[in-house]
Amino acid sequence: MEECLRGICGEICGKFVLNGLATAVLFIIEKQIVQRRELVIRLGRQAQRILHMPECLCVFTEEEPGMLDSDIRMAGTCLSISYLFASLAVLGATTLRASFRDPWVWTFGIAIPLCVSMLVWLMLIESKRRRLCYTTLEADQEIIDSSFEEDVHSFWSTTC
């Protein structure tokens, strides 16, 4: 009985800590990046042009909106948390005087952030394709974007 209570308490505390961290990151992303949406989109479009990226790999569209606020929030949150864990892995490696050749350092410090970055890029490409398809089919309707409050609510309403 006691072990069951400890497990439930651990799950609740873990969910609270992780959701709190994600909400804090989401709030920072909202205040520092999403509010500068036009600048982010303009710089993203410029980077795509300078790198001569093929259209199928571009995440910003030339027509408005270049990217939805919810996509910016999702990308910023996923990448921030991923790189936070990567920096913690590097900090742990230096604190424990572990070698950078250890597999756990490579896994948590490099492999996981790279995989998350690739998945976020693919999700942004898919979102752009969906947005372009939707705008060509429904030209007279506006694209619905989720708000900051809806994204925070979705973090706290999901179950483990």
N, C-alpha and C. Protein backbone atom coordinates (compact mmCIF):
# COMPACT_ATOMS: atom_id res chain seq x y z
N MET A 1 0.82 -1.19 0.00
CA MET A 1 0.00 0.00 0.00
C MET A 1 0.86 1.26 0.00
N GLU A 2 1.92 1.23 0.84
CA GLU A 2 2.79 2.38 0.94
C GLU A 2 3.55 2.62 -0.37
N GLU A 3 4.00 1.54 -1.02
CA GLU A 3 4.70 1.67 -2.30
C GLU A 3 3.78 2.23 -3.37
N CYS A 4 2.53 1.83 -3.33
CA CYS A 4 1.56 2.34 -4.30
C CYS A 4 1.36 3.83 -4.12
N LEU A 5 1.26 4.28 -2.87
CA LEU A 5 1.10 5.71 -2.60
C LEU A 5 2.34 6.49 -3.03
N ARG A 6 3.53 5.92 -2.79
CA ARG A 6 4.75 6.60 -3.22
C ARG A 6 4.80 6.72 -4.74
N GLY A 7 4.37 5.66 -5.43
CA GLY A 7 4.35 5.70 -6.89
C GLY A 7 3.37 6.73 -7.43
N ILE A 8 2.20 6.79 -6.82
CA ILE A 8 1.20 7.79 -7.24
C ILE A 8 1.70 9.19 -6.94
N CYS A 9 2.29 9.38 -5.76
CA CYS A 9 2.82 10.70 -5.39
C CYS A 9 3.94 11.11 -6.35
N GLY A 10 4.80 10.13 -6.72
CA GLY A 10 5.87 10.42 -7.67
C GLY A 10 5.34 10.81 -9.03
N GLU A 11 4.30 10.12 -9.47
CA GLU A 11 3.69 10.46 -10.77
C GLU A 11 3.08 11.86 -10.75
N ILE A 12 2.37 12.17 -9.67
CA ILE A 12 1.73 13.48 -9.57
C ILE A 12 2.78 14.58 -9.51
N CYS A 13 3.81 14.39 -8.67
CA CYS A 13 4.86 15.41 -8.56
C CYS A 13 5.64 15.54 -9.86
N GLY A 14 5.93 14.40 -10.50
CA GLY A 14 6.64 14.45 -11.78
C GLY A 14 5.85 15.17 -12.84
N LYS A 15 4.56 14.87 -12.92
CA LYS A 15 3.70 15.55 -13.90
C LYS A 15 3.64 17.05 -13.60
N PHE A 16 3.53 17.39 -12.31
CA PHE A 16 3.45 18.80 -11.93
C PHE A 16 4.75 19.53 -12.30
N VAL A 17 5.91 18.91 -12.01
CA VAL A 17 7.19 19.55 -12.31
C VAL A 17 7.38 19.69 -13.82
N LEU A 18 7.12 18.62 -14.58
CA LEU A 18 7.31 18.69 -16.03
C LEU A 18 6.34 19.66 -16.69
N ASN A 19 5.08 19.65 -16.28
CA ASN A 19 4.11 20.60 -16.84
C ASN A 19 4.44 22.02 -16.43
N GLY A 20 4.93 22.20 -15.21
CA GLY A 20 5.35 23.53 -14.77
C GLY A 20 6.52 24.04 -15.58
N LEU A 21 7.49 23.17 -15.84
CA LEU A 21 8.64 23.54 -16.66
C LEU A 21 8.20 23.88 -18.08
N ALA A 22 7.33 23.03 -18.65
CA ALA A 22 6.85 23.29 -20.01
C ALA A 22 6.05 24.58 -20.08
N THR A 23 5.26 24.87 -19.04
CA THR A 23 4.48 26.10 -19.03
C THR A 23 5.40 27.32 -18.91
N ALA A 24 6.43 27.22 -18.08
CA ALA A 24 7.39 28.32 -17.96
C ALA A 24 8.11 28.58 -19.28
N VAL A 25 8.53 27.50 -19.93
CA VAL A 25 9.19 27.65 -21.23
C VAL A 25 8.22 28.24 -22.25
N LEU A 26 6.98 27.77 -22.23
CA LEU A 26 5.96 28.28 -23.15
C LEU A 26 5.71 29.77 -22.92
N PHE A 27 5.69 30.19 -21.67
CA PHE A 27 5.50 31.60 -21.35
C PHE A 27 6.66 32.44 -21.86
N ILE A 28 7.89 31.95 -21.68
CA ILE A 28 9.06 32.69 -22.16
C ILE A 28 9.05 32.76 -23.69
N ILE A 29 8.70 31.65 -24.34
CA ILE A 29 8.61 31.63 -25.81
C ILE A 29 7.56 32.64 -26.28
N GLU A 30 6.43 32.68 -25.59
CA GLU A 30 5.35 33.61 -25.96
C GLU A 30 5.81 35.06 -25.84
N LYS A 31 6.45 35.38 -24.74
CA LYS A 31 6.85 36.78 -24.49
C LYS A 31 8.05 37.21 -25.31
N GLN A 32 8.99 36.30 -25.59
CA GLN A 32 10.22 36.71 -26.25
C GLN A 32 10.26 36.42 -27.75
N ILE A 33 9.50 35.44 -28.22
CA ILE A 33 9.59 35.07 -29.64
C ILE A 33 8.30 35.32 -30.39
N VAL A 34 7.18 34.83 -29.86
CA VAL A 34 5.91 34.94 -30.59
C VAL A 34 5.50 36.40 -30.75
N GLN A 35 5.80 37.24 -29.76
CA GLN A 35 5.45 38.65 -29.89
C GLN A 35 6.31 39.36 -30.93
N ARG A 36 7.42 38.75 -31.31
CA ARG A 36 8.27 39.28 -32.39
C ARG A 36 8.10 38.42 -33.66
N ARG A 37 6.90 37.97 -33.88
CA ARG A 37 6.56 37.03 -34.95
C ARG A 37 6.99 37.53 -36.33
N GLU A 38 6.72 38.79 -36.64
CA GLU A 38 7.06 39.32 -37.96
C GLU A 38 8.57 39.27 -38.20
N LEU A 39 9.36 39.61 -37.16
CA LEU A 39 10.81 39.56 -37.28
C LEU A 39 11.29 38.12 -37.49
N VAL A 40 10.74 37.18 -36.73
CA VAL A 40 11.12 35.77 -36.85
C VAL A 40 10.81 35.26 -38.25
N ILE A 41 9.64 35.58 -38.75
CA ILE A 41 9.25 35.11 -40.09
C ILE A 41 10.10 35.76 -41.17
N ARG A 42 10.36 37.06 -41.03
CA ARG A 42 11.19 37.75 -42.02
C ARG A 42 12.60 37.17 -42.06
N LEU A 43 13.20 36.94 -40.87
CA LEU A 43 14.55 36.37 -40.81
C LEU A 43 14.56 34.93 -41.31
N GLY A 44 13.51 34.18 -41.02
CA GLY A 44 13.42 32.80 -41.52
C GLY A 44 13.33 32.76 -43.04
N ARG A 45 12.54 33.65 -43.60
CA ARG A 45 12.43 33.70 -45.07
C ARG A 45 13.77 34.09 -45.69
N GLN A 46 14.46 35.06 -45.08
CA GLN A 46 15.77 35.47 -45.59
C GLN A 46 16.76 34.31 -45.53
N ALA A 47 16.76 33.57 -44.42
CA ALA A 47 17.67 32.43 -44.29
C ALA A 47 17.37 31.37 -45.34
N GLN A 48 16.09 31.12 -45.60
CA GLN A 48 15.72 30.15 -46.64
C GLN A 48 16.22 30.59 -48.00
N ARG A 49 16.11 31.89 -48.30
CA ARG A 49 16.57 32.39 -49.59
C ARG A 49 18.09 32.32 -49.70
N ILE A 50 18.80 32.71 -48.63
CA ILE A 50 20.26 32.70 -48.66
C ILE A 50 20.79 31.28 -48.82
N LEU A 51 20.16 30.31 -48.14
CA LEU A 51 20.61 28.92 -48.21
C LEU A 51 20.13 28.20 -49.47
N HIS A 52 19.30 28.88 -50.28
CA HIS A 52 18.75 28.29 -51.51
C HIS A 52 18.11 26.93 -51.22
N MET A 53 17.27 26.91 -50.19
CA MET A 53 16.62 25.67 -49.79
C MET A 53 15.54 25.30 -50.80
N PRO A 54 15.39 24.01 -51.10
CA PRO A 54 14.29 23.61 -51.97
C PRO A 54 12.95 23.86 -51.27
N GLU A 55 11.93 24.13 -52.03
CA GLU A 55 10.62 24.48 -51.47
C GLU A 55 10.08 23.41 -50.54
N CYS A 56 10.39 22.15 -50.83
CA CYS A 56 9.86 21.07 -49.99
C CYS A 56 10.47 21.05 -48.60
N LEU A 57 11.61 21.71 -48.38
CA LEU A 57 12.25 21.76 -47.07
C LEU A 57 12.05 23.08 -46.33
N CYS A 58 11.42 24.04 -46.99
CA CYS A 58 11.19 25.34 -46.36
C CYS A 58 10.04 25.24 -45.35
N VAL A 59 10.18 25.95 -44.23
CA VAL A 59 9.12 25.93 -43.23
C VAL A 59 8.33 27.24 -43.20
N PHE A 60 8.86 28.29 -43.81
CA PHE A 60 8.16 29.57 -43.88
C PHE A 60 7.59 29.75 -45.29
N THR A 61 6.33 30.13 -45.38
CA THR A 61 5.72 30.38 -46.68
C THR A 61 5.93 31.84 -47.06
N GLU A 62 5.89 32.11 -48.35
CA GLU A 62 6.05 33.49 -48.81
C GLU A 62 4.77 34.30 -48.61
N GLU A 63 3.62 33.62 -48.63
CA GLU A 63 2.37 34.34 -48.41
C GLU A 63 2.04 34.33 -46.92
N GLU A 64 1.20 35.25 -46.53
CA GLU A 64 0.84 35.39 -45.11
C GLU A 64 -0.18 34.35 -44.70
N PRO A 65 -0.20 33.82 -43.52
CA PRO A 65 0.84 33.96 -42.51
C PRO A 65 2.03 33.07 -42.84
N GLY A 66 3.23 33.54 -42.59
CA GLY A 66 4.42 32.75 -42.89
C GLY A 66 4.52 31.51 -42.03
N MET A 67 4.03 31.63 -40.79
CA MET A 67 3.98 30.51 -39.86
C MET A 67 2.98 30.87 -38.77
N LEU A 68 2.24 29.90 -38.30
CA LEU A 68 1.25 30.15 -37.26
C LEU A 68 1.93 30.31 -35.90
N ASP A 69 1.28 31.06 -35.01
CA ASP A 69 1.81 31.24 -33.66
C ASP A 69 1.94 29.91 -32.93
N SER A 70 0.99 29.02 -33.12
CA SER A 70 1.04 27.73 -32.43
C SER A 70 2.25 26.91 -32.89
N ASP A 71 2.62 27.03 -34.17
CA ASP A 71 3.80 26.32 -34.66
C ASP A 71 5.08 26.91 -34.07
N ILE A 72 5.13 28.23 -33.94
CA ILE A 72 6.29 28.87 -33.32
C ILE A 72 6.41 28.43 -31.86
N ARG A 73 5.26 28.39 -31.16
CA ARG A 73 5.27 27.95 -29.76
C ARG A 73 5.72 26.51 -29.63
N MET A 74 5.18 25.63 -30.49
CA MET A 74 5.53 24.21 -30.43
C MET A 74 7.03 24.02 -30.70
N ALA A 75 7.54 24.65 -31.74
CA ALA A 75 8.95 24.49 -32.08
C ALA A 75 9.85 25.05 -30.98
N GLY A 76 9.53 26.22 -30.50
CA GLY A 76 10.34 26.82 -29.44
C GLY A 76 10.34 26.01 -28.17
N THR A 77 9.19 25.50 -27.79
CA THR A 77 9.10 24.71 -26.56
C THR A 77 9.86 23.39 -26.69
N CYS A 78 9.65 22.67 -27.77
CA CYS A 78 10.33 21.39 -27.96
C CYS A 78 11.85 21.56 -28.02
N LEU A 79 12.30 22.54 -28.79
CA LEU A 79 13.74 22.75 -28.92
C LEU A 79 14.35 23.25 -27.62
N SER A 80 13.66 24.13 -26.91
CA SER A 80 14.20 24.65 -25.64
C SER A 80 14.36 23.54 -24.62
N ILE A 81 13.35 22.72 -24.45
CA ILE A 81 13.43 21.63 -23.47
C ILE A 81 14.48 20.60 -23.90
N SER A 82 14.56 20.31 -25.18
CA SER A 82 15.55 19.37 -25.67
C SER A 82 16.97 19.86 -25.39
N TYR A 83 17.23 21.12 -25.69
CA TYR A 83 18.57 21.65 -25.47
C TYR A 83 18.85 21.90 -23.99
N LEU A 84 17.82 22.08 -23.18
CA LEU A 84 18.01 22.15 -21.74
C LEU A 84 18.53 20.81 -21.22
N PHE A 85 17.92 19.71 -21.65
CA PHE A 85 18.38 18.40 -21.24
C PHE A 85 19.79 18.11 -21.79
N ALA A 86 20.09 18.59 -22.98
CA ALA A 86 21.43 18.40 -23.54
C ALA A 86 22.47 19.15 -22.70
N SER A 87 22.15 20.36 -22.30
CA SER A 87 23.10 21.11 -21.48
C SER A 87 23.25 20.48 -20.10
N LEU A 88 22.17 19.91 -19.57
CA LEU A 88 22.28 19.19 -18.30
C LEU A 88 23.16 17.95 -18.44
N ALA A 89 23.09 17.27 -19.58
CA ALA A 89 23.94 16.10 -19.82
C ALA A 89 25.41 16.50 -19.88
N VAL A 90 25.70 17.59 -20.55
CA VAL A 90 27.08 18.07 -20.64
C VAL A 90 27.57 18.53 -19.27
N LEU A 91 26.70 19.22 -18.53
CA LEU A 91 27.05 19.64 -17.17
C LEU A 91 27.31 18.42 -16.29
N GLY A 92 26.47 17.40 -16.39
CA GLY A 92 26.67 16.18 -15.63
C GLY A 92 27.97 15.49 -16.00
N ALA A 93 28.30 15.49 -17.27
CA ALA A 93 29.54 14.85 -17.72
C ALA A 93 30.76 15.58 -17.16
N THR A 94 30.72 16.90 -17.17
CA THR A 94 31.86 17.64 -16.64
C THR A 94 31.94 17.55 -15.12
N THR A 95 30.80 17.54 -14.46
CA THR A 95 30.78 17.43 -13.00
C THR A 95 31.29 16.07 -12.54
N LEU A 96 30.86 15.01 -13.21
CA LEU A 96 31.27 13.66 -12.84
C LEU A 96 32.62 13.27 -13.43
N ARG A 97 33.25 14.21 -14.11
CA ARG A 97 34.52 13.97 -14.80
C ARG A 97 34.45 12.76 -15.73
N ALA A 98 33.30 12.64 -16.36
CA ALA A 98 33.11 11.55 -17.32
C ALA A 98 33.74 11.95 -18.65
N SER A 99 34.08 10.98 -19.41
CA SER A 99 34.65 11.22 -20.72
C SER A 99 33.52 11.57 -21.69
N PHE A 100 33.83 12.42 -22.63
CA PHE A 100 32.83 12.75 -23.64
C PHE A 100 32.66 11.62 -24.64
N ARG A 101 33.43 10.56 -24.47
CA ARG A 101 33.27 9.37 -25.31
C ARG A 101 32.24 8.40 -24.72
N ASP A 102 31.77 8.68 -23.51
CA ASP A 102 30.75 7.82 -22.91
C ASP A 102 29.47 7.87 -23.73
N PRO A 103 28.82 6.71 -23.91
CA PRO A 103 27.62 6.68 -24.75
C PRO A 103 26.47 7.53 -24.21
N TRP A 104 26.32 7.64 -22.90
CA TRP A 104 25.21 8.43 -22.38
C TRP A 104 25.40 9.91 -22.65
N VAL A 105 26.65 10.37 -22.70
CA VAL A 105 26.90 11.78 -23.04
C VAL A 105 26.51 12.03 -24.49
N TRP A 106 26.89 11.13 -25.38
CA TRP A 106 26.53 11.28 -26.79
C TRP A 106 25.02 11.17 -26.98
N THR A 107 24.40 10.27 -26.24
CA THR A 107 22.96 10.07 -26.39
C THR A 107 22.20 11.30 -25.94
N PHE A 108 22.44 11.73 -24.69
CA PHE A 108 21.67 12.85 -24.14
C PHE A 108 22.17 14.20 -24.62
N GLY A 109 23.46 14.31 -24.91
CA GLY A 109 24.02 15.59 -25.30
C GLY A 109 23.92 15.92 -26.77
N ILE A 110 23.90 14.88 -27.62
CA ILE A 110 23.92 15.15 -29.07
C ILE A 110 22.78 14.45 -29.80
N ALA A 111 22.61 13.15 -29.60
CA ALA A 111 21.65 12.39 -30.40
C ALA A 111 20.21 12.82 -30.15
N ILE A 112 19.82 12.94 -28.91
CA ILE A 112 18.43 13.31 -28.62
C ILE A 112 18.10 14.72 -29.11
N PRO A 113 18.94 15.74 -28.86
CA PRO A 113 18.61 17.07 -29.42
C PRO A 113 18.56 17.08 -30.95
N LEU A 114 19.45 16.33 -31.61
CA LEU A 114 19.40 16.27 -33.07
C LEU A 114 18.13 15.61 -33.56
N CYS A 115 17.73 14.52 -32.92
CA CYS A 115 16.49 13.84 -33.31
C CYS A 115 15.28 14.74 -33.08
N VAL A 116 15.25 15.43 -31.95
CA VAL A 116 14.13 16.34 -31.67
C VAL A 116 14.12 17.47 -32.70
N SER A 117 15.29 18.00 -33.05
CA SER A 117 15.35 19.06 -34.05
C SER A 117 14.82 18.59 -35.40
N MET A 118 15.19 17.38 -35.80
CA MET A 118 14.70 16.85 -37.07
C MET A 118 13.20 16.62 -37.03
N LEU A 119 12.68 16.10 -35.92
CA LEU A 119 11.24 15.89 -35.80
C LEU A 119 10.48 17.21 -35.82
N VAL A 120 11.01 18.22 -35.14
CA VAL A 120 10.36 19.54 -35.16
C VAL A 120 10.36 20.10 -36.58
N TRP A 121 11.48 19.95 -37.29
CA TRP A 121 11.56 20.44 -38.67
C TRP A 121 10.51 19.74 -39.54
N LEU A 122 10.40 18.42 -39.39
CA LEU A 122 9.40 17.68 -40.17
C LEU A 122 7.98 18.11 -39.82
N MET A 123 7.72 18.35 -38.53
CA MET A 123 6.38 18.81 -38.11
C MET A 123 6.09 20.19 -38.69
N LEU A 124 7.09 21.06 -38.75
CA LEU A 124 6.88 22.39 -39.33
C LEU A 124 6.65 22.31 -40.84
N ILE A 125 7.36 21.42 -41.51
CA ILE A 125 7.13 21.23 -42.95
C ILE A 125 5.71 20.72 -43.19
N GLU A 126 5.29 19.74 -42.39
CA GLU A 126 3.93 19.21 -42.53
C GLU A 126 2.89 20.27 -42.24
N SER A 127 3.13 21.09 -41.24
CA SER A 127 2.20 22.18 -40.92
C SER A 127 2.11 23.18 -42.07
N LYS A 128 3.25 23.48 -42.69
CA LYS A 128 3.25 24.40 -43.83
C LYS A 128 2.47 23.81 -45.00
N ARG A 129 2.67 22.53 -45.27
CA ARG A 129 1.95 21.88 -46.36
C ARG A 129 0.45 21.87 -46.10
N ARG A 130 0.07 21.59 -44.86
CA ARG A 130 -1.35 21.59 -44.49
C ARG A 130 -1.94 22.99 -44.63
N ARG A 131 -1.19 24.00 -44.20
CA ARG A 131 -1.65 25.39 -44.28
C ARG A 131 -1.81 25.82 -45.74
N LEU A 132 -0.85 25.45 -46.61
CA LEU A 132 -0.95 25.79 -48.03
C LEU A 132 -2.12 25.07 -48.69
N CYS A 133 -2.31 23.82 -48.35
CA CYS A 133 -3.44 23.05 -48.90
C CYS A 133 -4.76 23.66 -48.46
N TYR A 134 -4.83 24.05 -47.20
CA TYR A 134 -6.06 24.63 -46.65
C TYR A 134 -6.36 25.98 -47.31
N THR A 135 -5.32 26.80 -47.51
CA THR A 135 -5.57 28.12 -48.10
C THR A 135 -5.95 28.03 -49.57
N THR A 136 -5.47 27.00 -50.27
CA THR A 136 -5.87 26.88 -51.67
C THR A 136 -7.29 26.32 -51.79
N LEU A 137 -7.68 25.46 -50.86
CA LEU A 137 -9.04 24.90 -50.91
C LEU A 137 -10.08 25.89 -50.38
N GLU A 138 -9.76 26.57 -49.31
CA GLU A 138 -10.69 27.48 -48.65
C GLU A 138 -10.12 28.90 -48.69
N ALA A 139 -10.02 29.48 -49.84
CA ALA A 139 -9.36 30.78 -49.99
C ALA A 139 -10.07 31.91 -49.25
N ASP A 140 -11.38 31.81 -49.08
CA ASP A 140 -12.11 32.91 -48.46
C ASP A 140 -12.21 32.76 -46.94
N GLN A 141 -11.77 31.65 -46.36
CA GLN A 141 -11.82 31.47 -44.92
C GLN A 141 -10.44 31.70 -44.31
N GLU A 142 -10.44 32.12 -43.05
CA GLU A 142 -9.20 32.40 -42.35
C GLU A 142 -8.72 31.15 -41.60
N ILE A 143 -7.42 30.98 -41.50
CA ILE A 143 -6.84 29.85 -40.79
C ILE A 143 -6.98 30.09 -39.29
N ILE A 144 -7.43 29.07 -38.57
CA ILE A 144 -7.63 29.19 -37.13
C ILE A 144 -6.34 28.77 -36.43
N ASP A 145 -5.85 29.64 -35.56
CA ASP A 145 -4.63 29.40 -34.81
C ASP A 145 -4.96 29.32 -33.33
N SER A 146 -4.34 28.39 -32.61
CA SER A 146 -4.62 28.27 -31.18
C SER A 146 -3.93 29.39 -30.42
N SER A 147 -4.53 29.79 -29.31
CA SER A 147 -3.97 30.88 -28.51
C SER A 147 -3.02 30.32 -27.46
N PHE A 148 -2.33 31.23 -26.78
CA PHE A 148 -1.40 30.86 -25.72
C PHE A 148 -2.14 30.13 -24.60
N GLU A 149 -3.31 30.63 -24.23
CA GLU A 149 -4.08 30.01 -23.16
C GLU A 149 -4.52 28.59 -23.52
N GLU A 150 -4.90 28.38 -24.77
CA GLU A 150 -5.30 27.04 -25.20
C GLU A 150 -4.12 26.07 -25.16
N ASP A 151 -2.92 26.55 -25.53
CA ASP A 151 -1.75 25.68 -25.48
C ASP A 151 -1.38 25.32 -24.05
N VAL A 152 -1.44 26.29 -23.14
CA VAL A 152 -1.16 26.00 -21.73
C VAL A 152 -2.20 25.04 -21.18
N HIS A 153 -3.46 25.25 -21.53
CA HIS A 153 -4.52 24.36 -21.06
C HIS A 153 -4.29 22.93 -21.57
N SER A 154 -3.82 22.79 -22.80
CA SER A 154 -3.59 21.45 -23.34
C SER A 154 -2.44 20.75 -22.62
N PHE A 155 -1.43 21.50 -22.14
CA PHE A 155 -0.37 20.89 -21.36
C PHE A 155 -0.91 20.30 -20.06
N TRP A 156 -1.77 21.05 -19.39
CA TRP A 156 -2.23 20.63 -18.08
C TRP A 156 -3.40 19.65 -18.14
N SER A 157 -4.07 19.55 -19.27
CA SER A 157 -5.23 18.66 -19.34
C SER A 157 -4.89 17.26 -19.84
N THR A 158 -3.68 17.05 -20.33
CA THR A 158 -3.33 15.72 -20.83
C THR A 158 -3.05 14.79 -19.65
N THR A 159 -3.37 13.52 -19.86
CA THR A 159 -3.13 12.52 -18.82
C THR A 159 -1.90 11.70 -19.18
N CYS A 160 -1.29 11.11 -18.18
CA CYS A 160 -0.09 10.29 -18.40
C CYS A 160 -0.45 8.94 -18.96
